[in-house]
C-alpha atoms as a PDB file:
ATOM      1  CA  MET A   1     111.754  98.977  74.700  1.00  0.00           C
ATOM      2  CA  LYS A   2     114.709  96.706  75.893  1.00  0.00           C
ATOM      3  CA  GLU A   3     116.503  97.026  79.271  1.00  0.00           C
ATOM      4  CA  ILE A   4     120.049  96.465  80.437  1.00  0.00           C
ATOM      5  CA  THR A   5     122.182  96.677  83.152  1.00  0.00           C
ATOM      6  CA  LEU A   6     126.080  98.309  83.207  1.00  0.00           C
ATOM      7  CA  GLU A   7     128.449  98.103  85.705  1.00  0.00           C
ATOM      8  CA  VAL A   8     130.605 101.178  85.360  1.00  0.00           C
ATOM      9  CA  ASP A   9     133.616 101.728  87.398  1.00  0.00           C
ATOM     10  CA  GLU A  10     132.598 104.915  89.781  1.00  0.00           C
ATOM     11  CA  ARG A  11     135.468 107.125  88.945  1.00  0.00           C
ATOM     12  CA  LYS A  12     133.946 107.169  85.259  1.00  0.00           C
ATOM     13  CA  TYR A  13     130.322 106.751  86.286  1.00  0.00           C
ATOM     14  CA  LYS A  14     129.284 110.463  85.510  1.00  0.00           C
ATOM     15  CA  PHE A  15     131.237 110.794  82.151  1.00  0.00           C
ATOM     16  CA  PHE A  16     129.540 107.497  81.026  1.00  0.00           C
ATOM     17  CA  LEU A  17     125.761 108.956  82.145  1.00  0.00           C
ATOM     18  CA  ASP A  18     126.584 111.979  80.199  1.00  0.00           C
ATOM     19  CA  ILE A  19     127.300 109.896  77.323  1.00  0.00           C
ATOM     20  CA  LEU A  20     124.765 108.209  77.536  1.00  0.00           C
ATOM     21  CA  ARG A  21     122.073 111.201  77.678  1.00  0.00           C
ATOM     22  CA  ASN A  22     122.923 112.679  74.634  1.00  0.00           C
ATOM     23  CA  PHE A  23     121.980 110.063  72.638  1.00  0.00           C
ATOM     24  CA  ASP A  24     118.030 110.471  71.825  1.00  0.00           C
ATOM     25  CA  PHE A  25     116.800 107.113  72.213  1.00  0.00           C
ATOM     26  CA  VAL A  26     118.589 106.051  75.616  1.00  0.00           C
ATOM     27  CA  SER A  27     116.348 106.635  78.494  1.00  0.00           C
ATOM     28  CA  VAL A  28     118.865 107.025  82.069  1.00  0.00           C
ATOM     29  CA  LYS A  29     116.816 105.902  85.051  1.00  0.00           C
ATOM     30  CA  LYS A  30     117.281 107.575  88.281  1.00  0.00           C
ATOM     31  CA  ASP A  31     119.814 105.688  90.621  1.00  0.00           C
ATOM     32  CA  SER A  32     117.735 104.361  93.954  1.00  0.00           C
ATOM     33  CA  THR A  33     119.000 105.652  97.495  1.00  0.00           C
ATOM     34  CA  PRO A  34     118.745 104.557 100.623  1.00  0.00           C
ATOM     35  CA  LYS A  35     115.608 106.352 101.112  1.00  0.00           C
ATOM     36  CA  ASP A  36     113.876 105.554  98.013  1.00  0.00           C
ATOM     37  CA  ILE A  37     113.835 102.314  99.040  1.00  0.00           C
ATOM     38  CA  ILE A  38     112.816 102.785 102.470  1.00  0.00           C
ATOM     39  CA  MET A  39     109.785 104.687 101.172  1.00  0.00           C
ATOM     40  CA  SER A  40     109.342 101.691  98.703  1.00  0.00           C
ATOM     41  CA  VAL A  41     108.938  99.429 101.488  1.00  0.00           C
ATOM     42  CA  ALA A  42     107.127 101.484 103.960  1.00  0.00           C
ATOM     43  CA  LYS A  43     104.405 101.866 100.908  1.00  0.00           C
ATOM     44  CA  GLY A  44     104.645  98.334 100.136  1.00  0.00           C
ATOM     45  CA  ILE A  45     103.651  97.448 103.937  1.00  0.00           C
ATOM     46  CA  HIS A  46     101.203 100.403 104.075  1.00  0.00           C
ATOM     47  CA  GLN A  47      99.407  99.056 101.368  1.00  0.00           C
ATOM     48  CA  ALA A  48      99.659  95.389 102.397  1.00  0.00           C
ATOM     49  CA  LYS A  49      97.997  96.698 105.940  1.00  0.00           C
ATOM     50  CA  LEU A  50      94.982  98.523 103.938  1.00  0.00           C
ATOM     51  CA  ALA A  51      94.252  94.974 101.889  1.00  0.00           C
ATOM     52  CA  SER A  52      94.298  92.976 105.103  1.00  0.00           C
ATOM     53  CA  GLU A  53      92.012  95.714 106.110  1.00  0.00           C
ATOM     54  CA  GLY A  54      89.421  95.374 103.042  1.00  0.00           C
ATOM     55  CA  LYS A  55      90.239  98.984 102.274  1.00  0.00           C
ATOM     56  CA  MET A  56      92.096  98.203  99.502  1.00  0.00           C
ATOM     57  CA  LYS A  57      91.322  95.725  96.458  1.00  0.00           C
ATOM     58  CA  SER A  58      94.182  93.163  96.551  1.00  0.00           C
ATOM     59  CA  ARG A  59      94.922  90.134  94.003  1.00  0.00           C
ATOM     60  CA  SER A  60      95.935  86.407  94.884  1.00  0.00           C
ATOM     61  CA  ALA A  61      98.996  85.493  95.042  1.00  0.00           C
ATOM     62  CA  LYS A  62      98.678  83.353  92.317  1.00  0.00           C
ATOM     63  CA  THR A  63      97.630  86.093  89.990  1.00  0.00           C
ATOM     64  CA  PHE A  64     100.738  88.216  90.894  1.00  0.00           C
ATOM     65  CA  LEU A  65     102.769  85.157  90.420  1.00  0.00           C
ATOM     66  CA  ASN A  66     101.589  84.398  87.201  1.00  0.00           C
ATOM     67  CA  GLU A  67     102.124  87.966  86.139  1.00  0.00           C
ATOM     68  CA  ILE A  68     105.873  87.595  86.602  1.00  0.00           C
END
């Protein structure tokens, strides 16, 4: 599946999403709210802490960079 990012005028946003959702081959992702972003960062910090304490397996920076 391919992914695209679009910028849509705020006044037409809901209308545009309604149109897209009518296509069975289109998947619309939920917008990230500030709360979602904060929760994601908090989860990452918690996982980093667990990894540094040896309570969670981690991967090397080299492995991470090779994946992206």
